[in-house]
PDB file of N, CA and C in Angstrom:
ATOM      1  N   MET A   1      13.000  17.467  21.096  1.00  0.00           N
ATOM      2  CA  MET A   1      12.360  17.464  19.786  1.00  0.00           C
ATOM      3  C   MET A   1      11.621  16.152  19.537  1.00  0.00           C
ATOM      4  N   GLU A   2      12.139  15.053  20.059  1.00  0.00           N
ATOM      5  CA  GLU A   2      11.467  13.764  19.869  1.00  0.00           C
ATOM      6  C   GLU A   2      10.102  13.757  20.548  1.00  0.00           C
ATOM      7  N   THR A   3       9.971  14.463  21.670  1.00  0.00           N
ATOM      8  CA  THR A   3       8.688  14.533  22.363  1.00  0.00           C
ATOM      9  C   THR A   3       7.658  15.250  21.501  1.00  0.00           C
ATOM     10  N   VAL A   4       8.086  16.299  20.813  1.00  0.00           N
ATOM     11  CA  VAL A   4       7.174  17.039  19.934  1.00  0.00           C
ATOM     12  C   VAL A   4       6.725  16.156  18.776  1.00  0.00           C
ATOM     13  N   LYS A   5       7.641  15.400  18.206  1.00  0.00           N
ATOM     14  CA  LYS A   5       7.293  14.507  17.095  1.00  0.00           C
ATOM     15  C   LYS A   5       6.322  13.431  17.552  1.00  0.00           C
ATOM     16  N   LEU A   6       6.577  12.857  18.713  1.00  0.00           N
ATOM     17  CA  LEU A   6       5.685  11.832  19.245  1.00  0.00           C
ATOM     18  C   LEU A   6       4.307  12.415  19.535  1.00  0.00           C
ATOM     19  N   GLY A   7       4.278  13.625  20.087  1.00  0.00           N
ATOM     20  CA  GLY A   7       3.004  14.287  20.350  1.00  0.00           C
ATOM     21  C   GLY A   7       2.226  14.558  19.072  1.00  0.00           C
ATOM     22  N   ALA A   8       2.927  14.960  18.019  1.00  0.00           N
ATOM     23  CA  ALA A   8       2.259  15.223  16.740  1.00  0.00           C
ATOM     24  C   ALA A   8       1.687  13.950  16.144  1.00  0.00           C
ATOM     25  N   VAL A   9       2.438  12.865  16.233  1.00  0.00           N
ATOM     26  CA  VAL A   9       1.941  11.591  15.700  1.00  0.00           C
ATOM     27  C   VAL A   9       0.733  11.118  16.501  1.00  0.00           C
ATOM     28  N   LEU A  10       0.796  11.255  17.823  1.00  0.00           N
ATOM     29  CA  LEU A  10      -0.346  10.856  18.655  1.00  0.00           C
ATOM     30  C   LEU A  10      -1.568  11.724  18.372  1.00  0.00           C
ATOM     31  N   LEU A  11      -1.362  13.028  18.204  1.00  0.00           N
ATOM     32  CA  LEU A  11      -2.473  13.917  17.877  1.00  0.00           C
ATOM     33  C   LEU A  11      -3.077  13.557  16.528  1.00  0.00           C
ATOM     34  N   ALA A  12      -2.243  13.249  15.559  1.00  0.00           N
ATOM     35  CA  ALA A  12      -2.744  12.844  14.243  1.00  0.00           C
ATOM     36  C   ALA A  12      -3.547  11.555  14.351  1.00  0.00           C
ATOM     37  N   PHE A  13      -3.082  10.614  15.165  1.00  0.00           N
ATOM     38  CA  PHE A  13      -3.798   9.354  15.350  1.00  0.00           C
ATOM     39  C   PHE A  13      -5.149   9.585  16.022  1.00  0.00           C
ATOM     40  N   VAL A  14      -5.187  10.457  17.027  1.00  0.00           N
ATOM     41  CA  VAL A  14      -6.450  10.775  17.698  1.00  0.00           C
ATOM     42  C   VAL A  14      -7.406  11.465  16.733  1.00  0.00           C
ATOM     43  N   MET A  15      -6.883  12.381  15.907  1.00  0.00           N
ATOM     44  CA  MET A  15      -7.732  13.053  14.922  1.00  0.00           C
ATOM     45  C   MET A  15      -8.290  12.052  13.914  1.00  0.00           C
ATOM     46  N   PHE A  16      -7.471  11.106  13.509  1.00  0.00           N
ATOM     47  CA  PHE A  16      -7.916  10.079  12.576  1.00  0.00           C
ATOM     48  C   PHE A  16      -9.028   9.230  13.193  1.00  0.00           C
ATOM     49  N   LEU A  17      -8.840   8.797  14.431  1.00  0.00           N
ATOM     50  CA  LEU A  17      -9.862   7.985  15.099  1.00  0.00           C
ATOM     51  C   LEU A  17     -11.149   8.776  15.331  1.00  0.00           C
ATOM     52  N   ALA A  18     -11.022  10.025  15.765  1.00  0.00           N
ATOM     53  CA  ALA A  18     -12.206  10.846  16.005  1.00  0.00           C
ATOM     54  C   ALA A  18     -12.959  11.106  14.702  1.00  0.00           C
ATOM     55  N   GLY A  19     -12.237  11.359  13.636  1.00  0.00           N
ATOM     56  CA  GLY A  19     -12.891  11.568  12.343  1.00  0.00           C
ATOM     57  C   GLY A  19     -13.603  10.324  11.858  1.00  0.00           C
ATOM     58  N   GLY A  20     -12.964   9.170  12.017  1.00  0.00           N
ATOM     59  CA  GLY A  20     -13.613   7.913  11.647  1.00  0.00           C
ATOM     60  C   GLY A  20     -14.847   7.647  12.474  1.00  0.00           C
ATOM     61  N   TRP A  21     -14.776   7.973  13.752  1.00  0.00           N
ATOM     62  CA  TRP A  21     -15.935   7.786  14.631  1.00  0.00           C
ATOM     63  C   TRP A  21     -17.083   8.708  14.213  1.00  0.00           C
ATOM     64  N   LEU A  22     -16.768   9.964  13.894  1.00  0.00           N
ATOM     65  CA  LEU A  22     -17.814  10.899  13.472  1.00  0.00           C
ATOM     66  C   LEU A  22     -18.453  10.467  12.160  1.00  0.00           C
ATOM     67  N   VAL A  23     -17.641   9.986  11.235  1.00  0.00           N
ATOM     68  CA  VAL A  23     -18.178   9.522   9.954  1.00  0.00           C
ATOM     69  C   VAL A  23     -19.047   8.298  10.167  1.00  0.00           C
ATOM     70  N   ASN A  24     -18.609   7.398  11.009  1.00  0.00           N
ATOM     71  CA  ASN A  24     -19.362   6.173  11.282  1.00  0.00           C
ATOM     72  C   ASN A  24     -20.664   6.466  12.024  1.00  0.00           C
ATOM     73  N   ARG A  25     -20.677   7.508  12.828  1.00  0.00           N
ATOM     74  CA  ARG A  25     -21.849   7.858  13.631  1.00  0.00           C
ATOM     75  C   ARG A  25     -23.008   8.379  12.785  1.00  0.00           C
ATOM     76  N   ARG A  26     -22.696   8.956  11.649  1.00  0.00           N
ATOM     77  CA  ARG A  26     -23.758   9.499  10.789  1.00  0.00           C
ATOM     78  C   ARG A  26     -24.608   8.372  10.252  1.00  0.00           C
ATOM     79  N   SER A  27     -25.895   8.548  10.308  1.00  0.00           N
ATOM     80  CA  SER A  27     -26.805   7.491   9.861  1.00  0.00           C
ATOM     81  C   SER A  27     -27.164   7.616   8.387  1.00  0.00           C
ATOM     82  N   THR A  28     -26.660   8.634   7.715  1.00  0.00           N
ATOM     83  CA  THR A  28     -27.032   8.854   6.317  1.00  0.00           C
ATOM     84  C   THR A  28     -26.184   8.060   5.343  1.00  0.00           C
ATOM     85  N   GLY A  29     -25.152   7.410   5.807  1.00  0.00           N
ATOM     86  CA  GLY A  29     -24.310   6.629   4.903  1.00  0.00           C
ATOM     87  C   GLY A  29     -23.191   7.460   4.312  1.00  0.00           C
ATOM     88  N   TRP A  30     -22.588   6.920   3.263  1.00  0.00           N
ATOM     89  CA  TRP A  30     -21.441   7.557   2.630  1.00  0.00           C
ATOM     90  C   TRP A  30     -21.894   8.428   1.469  1.00  0.00           C
ATOM     91  N   GLY A  31     -22.135   9.690   1.753  1.00  0.00           N
ATOM     92  CA  GLY A  31     -22.466  10.643   0.710  1.00  0.00           C
ATOM     93  C   GLY A  31     -21.229  11.417   0.297  1.00  0.00           C
ATOM     94  N   PRO A  32     -21.378  12.360  -0.620  1.00  0.00           N
ATOM     95  CA  PRO A  32     -20.227  13.149  -1.072  1.00  0.00           C
ATOM     96  C   PRO A  32     -19.598  13.974   0.055  1.00  0.00           C
ATOM     97  N   SER A  33     -20.423  14.531   0.921  1.00  0.00           N
ATOM     98  CA  SER A  33     -19.882  15.334   2.026  1.00  0.00           C
ATOM     99  C   SER A  33     -19.114  14.470   3.012  1.00  0.00           C
ATOM    100  N   THR A  34     -19.598  13.258   3.246  1.00  0.00           N
ATOM    101  CA  THR A  34     -18.919  12.356   4.168  1.00  0.00           C
ATOM    102  C   THR A  34     -17.553  11.972   3.622  1.00  0.00           C
ATOM    103  N   LEU A  35     -17.483  11.699   2.356  1.00  0.00           N
ATOM    104  CA  LEU A  35     -16.211  11.330   1.739  1.00  0.00           C
ATOM    105  C   LEU A  35     -15.226  12.493   1.777  1.00  0.00           C
ATOM    106  N   GLN A  36     -15.717  13.711   1.550  1.00  0.00           N
ATOM    107  CA  GLN A  36     -14.853  14.883   1.615  1.00  0.00           C
ATOM    108  C   GLN A  36     -14.345  15.103   3.037  1.00  0.00           C
ATOM    109  N   ALA A  37     -15.217  14.943   4.021  1.00  0.00           N
ATOM    110  CA  ALA A  37     -14.806  15.112   5.418  1.00  0.00           C
ATOM    111  C   ALA A  37     -13.778  14.054   5.807  1.00  0.00           C
ATOM    112  N   PHE A  38     -13.992  12.830   5.373  1.00  0.00           N
ATOM    113  CA  PHE A  38     -13.055  11.758   5.691  1.00  0.00           C
ATOM    114  C   PHE A  38     -11.701  12.016   5.029  1.00  0.00           C
ATOM    115  N   GLY A  39     -11.719  12.553   3.825  1.00  0.00           N
ATOM    116  CA  GLY A  39     -10.467  12.908   3.160  1.00  0.00           C
ATOM    117  C   GLY A  39      -9.703  13.979   3.919  1.00  0.00           C
ATOM    118  N   LEU A  40     -10.425  14.972   4.441  1.00  0.00           N
ATOM    119  CA  LEU A  40      -9.768  16.008   5.235  1.00  0.00           C
ATOM    120  C   LEU A  40      -9.217  15.443   6.536  1.00  0.00           C
ATOM    121  N   VAL A  41      -9.958  14.502   7.133  1.00  0.00           N
ATOM    122  CA  VAL A  41      -9.495  13.881   8.374  1.00  0.00           C
ATOM    123  C   VAL A  41      -8.195  13.121   8.129  1.00  0.00           C
ATOM    124  N   LEU A  42      -8.028  12.565   6.955  1.00  0.00           N
ATOM    125  CA  LEU A  42      -6.778  11.876   6.629  1.00  0.00           C
ATOM    126  C   LEU A  42      -5.670  12.854   6.242  1.00  0.00           C
ATOM    127  N   LEU A  43      -6.023  13.906   5.525  1.00  0.00           N
ATOM    128  CA  LEU A  43      -5.021  14.813   4.974  1.00  0.00           C
ATOM    129  C   LEU A  43      -4.411  15.744   6.015  1.00  0.00           C
ATOM    130  N   VAL A  44      -5.236  16.339   6.862  1.00  0.00           N
ATOM    131  CA  VAL A  44      -4.733  17.328   7.821  1.00  0.00           C
ATOM    132  C   VAL A  44      -3.750  16.718   8.827  1.00  0.00           C
ATOM    133  N   PRO A  45      -4.057  15.571   9.447  1.00  0.00           N
ATOM    134  CA  PRO A  45      -3.046  14.988  10.347  1.00  0.00           C
ATOM    135  C   PRO A  45      -1.756  14.588   9.631  1.00  0.00           C
ATOM    136  N   THR A  46      -1.871  14.147   8.395  1.00  0.00           N
ATOM    137  CA  THR A  46      -0.673  13.792   7.636  1.00  0.00           C
ATOM    138  C   THR A  46       0.201  15.020   7.411  1.00  0.00           C
ATOM    139  N   ILE A  47      -0.413  16.134   7.071  1.00  0.00           N
ATOM    140  CA  ILE A  47       0.339  17.379   6.894  1.00  0.00           C
ATOM    141  C   ILE A  47       0.956  17.807   8.221  1.00  0.00           C
ATOM    142  N   LEU A  48       0.222  17.629   9.320  1.00  0.00           N
ATOM    143  CA  LEU A  48       0.753  17.966  10.639  1.00  0.00           C
ATOM    144  C   LEU A  48       2.009  17.160  10.951  1.00  0.00           C
ATOM    145  N   VAL A  49       1.965  15.871  10.708  1.00  0.00           N
ATOM    146  CA  VAL A  49       3.129  15.018  10.976  1.00  0.00           C
ATOM    147  C   VAL A  49       4.294  15.408  10.072  1.00  0.00           C
ATOM    148  N   LEU A  50       4.020  15.671   8.806  1.00  0.00           N
ATOM    149  CA  LEU A  50       5.094  16.078   7.893  1.00  0.00           C
ATOM    150  C   LEU A  50       5.711  17.409   8.307  1.00  0.00           C
ATOM    151  N   ALA A  51       4.889  18.308   8.844  1.00  0.00           N
ATOM    152  CA  ALA A  51       5.410  19.602   9.283  1.00  0.00           C
ATOM    153  C   ALA A  51       6.312  19.453  10.502  1.00  0.00           C
ATOM    154  N   VAL A  52       5.891  18.638  11.449  1.00  0.00           N
ATOM    155  CA  VAL A  52       6.667  18.496  12.680  1.00  0.00           C
ATOM    156  C   VAL A  52       7.959  17.724  12.445  1.00  0.00           C
ATOM    157  N   THR A  53       7.905  16.709  11.614  1.00  0.00           N
ATOM    158  CA  THR A  53       9.110  15.915  11.359  1.00  0.00           C
ATOM    159  C   THR A  53      10.043  16.579  10.352  1.00  0.00           C
ATOM    160  N   GLN A  54       9.618  17.678   9.780  1.00  0.00           N
ATOM    161  CA  GLN A  54      10.400  18.433   8.802  1.00  0.00           C
ATOM    162  C   GLN A  54      10.804  17.564   7.621  1.00  0.00           C
ATOM    163  N   ALA A  55       9.870  16.725   7.186  1.00  0.00           N
ATOM    164  CA  ALA A  55      10.120  15.841   6.048  1.00  0.00           C
ATOM    165  C   ALA A  55      10.036  16.599   4.723  1.00  0.00           C
ATOM    166  N   LEU A  56       9.303  17.700   4.714  1.00  0.00           N
ATOM    167  CA  LEU A  56       9.156  18.508   3.504  1.00  0.00           C
ATOM    168  C   LEU A  56       9.590  19.939   3.796  1.00  0.00           C
ATOM    169  N   SER A  57       9.884  20.679   2.745  1.00  0.00           N
ATOM    170  CA  SER A  57      10.300  22.070   2.931  1.00  0.00           C
ATOM    171  C   SER A  57       9.112  22.930   3.356  1.00  0.00           C
ATOM    172  N   LYS A  58       9.430  24.097   3.880  1.00  0.00           N
ATOM    173  CA  LYS A  58       8.388  25.016   4.352  1.00  0.00           C
ATOM    174  C   LYS A  58       7.482  25.464   3.211  1.00  0.00           C
ATOM    175  N   GLU A  59       8.054  25.628   2.031  1.00  0.00           N
ATOM    176  CA  GLU A  59       7.261  26.081   0.890  1.00  0.00           C
ATOM    177  C   GLU A  59       6.221  25.037   0.489  1.00  0.00           C
ATOM    178  N   ILE A  60       6.622  23.781   0.503  1.00  0.00           N
ATOM    179  CA  ILE A  60       5.687  22.711   0.134  1.00  0.00           C
ATOM    180  C   ILE A  60       4.584  22.595   1.171  1.00  0.00           C
ATOM    181  N   LEU A  61       4.938  22.685   2.453  1.00  0.00           N
ATOM    182  CA  LEU A  61       3.925  22.605   3.506  1.00  0.00           C
ATOM    183  C   LEU A  61       2.954  23.780   3.432  1.00  0.00           C
ATOM    184  N   ALA A  62       3.475  24.970   3.138  1.00  0.00           N
ATOM    185  CA  ALA A  62       2.597  26.132   2.992  1.00  0.00           C
ATOM    186  C   ALA A  62       1.637  25.940   1.823  1.00  0.00           C
ATOM    187  N   THR A  63       2.120  25.347   0.748  1.00  0.00           N
ATOM    188  CA  THR A  63       1.260  25.072  -0.406  1.00  0.00           C
ATOM    189  C   THR A  63       0.172  24.070  -0.051  1.00  0.00           C
ATOM    190  N   LEU A  64       0.536  23.009   0.656  1.00  0.00           N
ATOM    191  CA  LEU A  64      -0.458  22.007   1.060  1.00  0.00           C
ATOM    192  C   LEU A  64      -1.510  22.600   1.992  1.00  0.00           C
ATOM    193  N   LEU A  65      -1.069  23.361   2.989  1.00  0.00           N
ATOM    194  CA  LEU A  65      -2.023  23.974   3.918  1.00  0.00           C
ATOM    195  C   LEU A  65      -2.904  25.001   3.215  1.00  0.00           C
ATOM    196  N   GLY A  66      -2.329  25.755   2.289  1.00  0.00           N
ATOM    197  CA  GLY A  66      -3.124  26.706   1.518  1.00  0.00           C
ATOM    198  C   GLY A  66      -4.161  26.014   0.656  1.00  0.00           C
ATOM    199  N   GLY A  67      -3.791  24.882   0.077  1.00  0.00           N
ATOM    200  CA  GLY A  67      -4.751  24.112  -0.717  1.00  0.00           C
ATOM    201  C   GLY A  67      -5.895  23.579   0.121  1.00  0.00           C
ATOM    202  N   VAL A  68      -5.580  23.082   1.310  1.00  0.00           N
ATOM    203  CA  VAL A  68      -6.631  22.576   2.206  1.00  0.00           C
ATOM    204  C   VAL A  68      -7.530  23.717   2.661  1.00  0.00           C
ATOM    205  N   ALA A  69      -6.934  24.849   3.037  1.00  0.00           N
ATOM    206  CA  ALA A  69      -7.731  25.997   3.468  1.00  0.00           C
ATOM    207  C   ALA A  69      -8.614  26.509   2.331  1.00  0.00           C
ATOM    208  N   GLY A  70      -8.069  26.590   1.132  1.00  0.00           N
ATOM    209  CA  GLY A  70      -8.871  27.023  -0.012  1.00  0.00           C
ATOM    210  C   GLY A  70     -10.015  26.075  -0.303  1.00  0.00           C
ATOM    211  N   TYR A  71      -9.770  24.800  -0.143  1.00  0.00           N
ATOM    212  CA  TYR A  71     -10.823  23.804  -0.358  1.00  0.00           C
ATOM    213  C   TYR A  71     -11.927  23.955   0.681  1.00  0.00           C
ATOM    214  N   ILE A  72     -11.544  24.101   1.946  1.00  0.00           N
ATOM    215  CA  ILE A  72     -12.542  24.216   3.015  1.00  0.00           C
ATOM    216  C   ILE A  72     -13.357  25.491   2.855  1.00  0.00           C
ATOM    217  N   PHE A  73     -12.685  26.626   2.689  1.00  0.00           N
ATOM    218  CA  PHE A  73     -13.409  27.889   2.611  1.00  0.00           C
ATOM    219  C   PHE A  73     -14.061  28.099   1.251  1.00  0.00           C
ATOM    220  N   GLY A  74     -13.582  27.439   0.229  1.00  0.00           N
ATOM    221  CA  GLY A  74     -14.199  27.538  -1.089  1.00  0.00           C
ATOM    222  C   GLY A  74     -15.541  26.833  -1.158  1.00  0.00           C
ATOM    223  N   ARG A  75     -15.730  25.819  -0.344  1.00  0.00           N
ATOM    224  CA  ARG A  75     -16.990  25.077  -0.326  1.00  0.00           C
ATOM    225  C   ARG A  75     -18.017  25.721   0.594  1.00  0.00           C
ATOM    226  N   SER A  76     -17.597  26.612   1.491  1.00  0.00           N
ATOM    227  CA  SER A  76     -18.475  27.080   2.558  1.00  0.00           C
ATOM    228  C   SER A  76     -19.660  27.904   2.061  1.00  0.00           C
ATOM    229  N   GLY A  77     -19.484  28.698   1.040  1.00  0.00           N
ATOM    230  CA  GLY A  77     -20.599  29.514   0.592  1.00  0.00           C
ATOM    231  C   GLY A  77     -20.820  29.360  -0.895  1.00  0.00           C
ATOM    232  N   GLY A  78     -21.797  28.649  -1.254  1.00  0.00           N
ATOM    233  CA  GLY A  78     -22.020  28.446  -2.674  1.00  0.00           C
ATOM    234  C   GLY A  78     -23.168  27.502  -2.900  1.00  0.00           C
ATOM    235  N   ASP A  79     -23.124  26.881  -4.035  1.00  0.00           N
ATOM    236  CA  ASP A  79     -24.163  25.945  -4.420  1.00  0.00           C
ATOM    237  C   ASP A  79     -24.093  24.695  -3.544  1.00  0.00           C
ATOM    238  N   PRO A  80     -25.161  24.365  -2.808  1.00  0.00           N
ATOM    239  CA  PRO A  80     -25.114  23.192  -1.945  1.00  0.00           C
ATOM    240  C   PRO A  80     -25.042  21.886  -2.718  1.00  0.00           C
ATOM    241  N   GLY A  81     -25.312  21.906  -4.002  1.00  0.00           N
ATOM    242  CA  GLY A  81     -25.262  20.696  -4.804  1.00  0.00           C
ATOM    243  C   GLY A  81     -23.874  20.327  -5.268  1.00  0.00           C
ATOM    244  N   ARG A  82     -22.884  21.188  -5.004  1.00  0.00           N
ATOM    245  CA  ARG A  82     -21.508  20.911  -5.448  1.00  0.00           C
ATOM    246  C   ARG A  82     -20.848  19.888  -4.616  1.00  0.00           C
TER     247      ARG A  82
END
């Protein structure tokens, strides 16, 4: 089980670094979309680590993942100015 926890933490760290690199690579600067993407890059690995370490109950993790999924898919089709 410790190997799984270590793997989850390493994966979260790689996701964090890759997200930071992608945000930094954009030449448009820090716009609203960039800030939202950076927030997701921070939030999703954190939820992953909390899920693997069983720090929170299953119900709370399901709520967090549902909120992230609703946020991602809620923005996908709509007013581009939002």
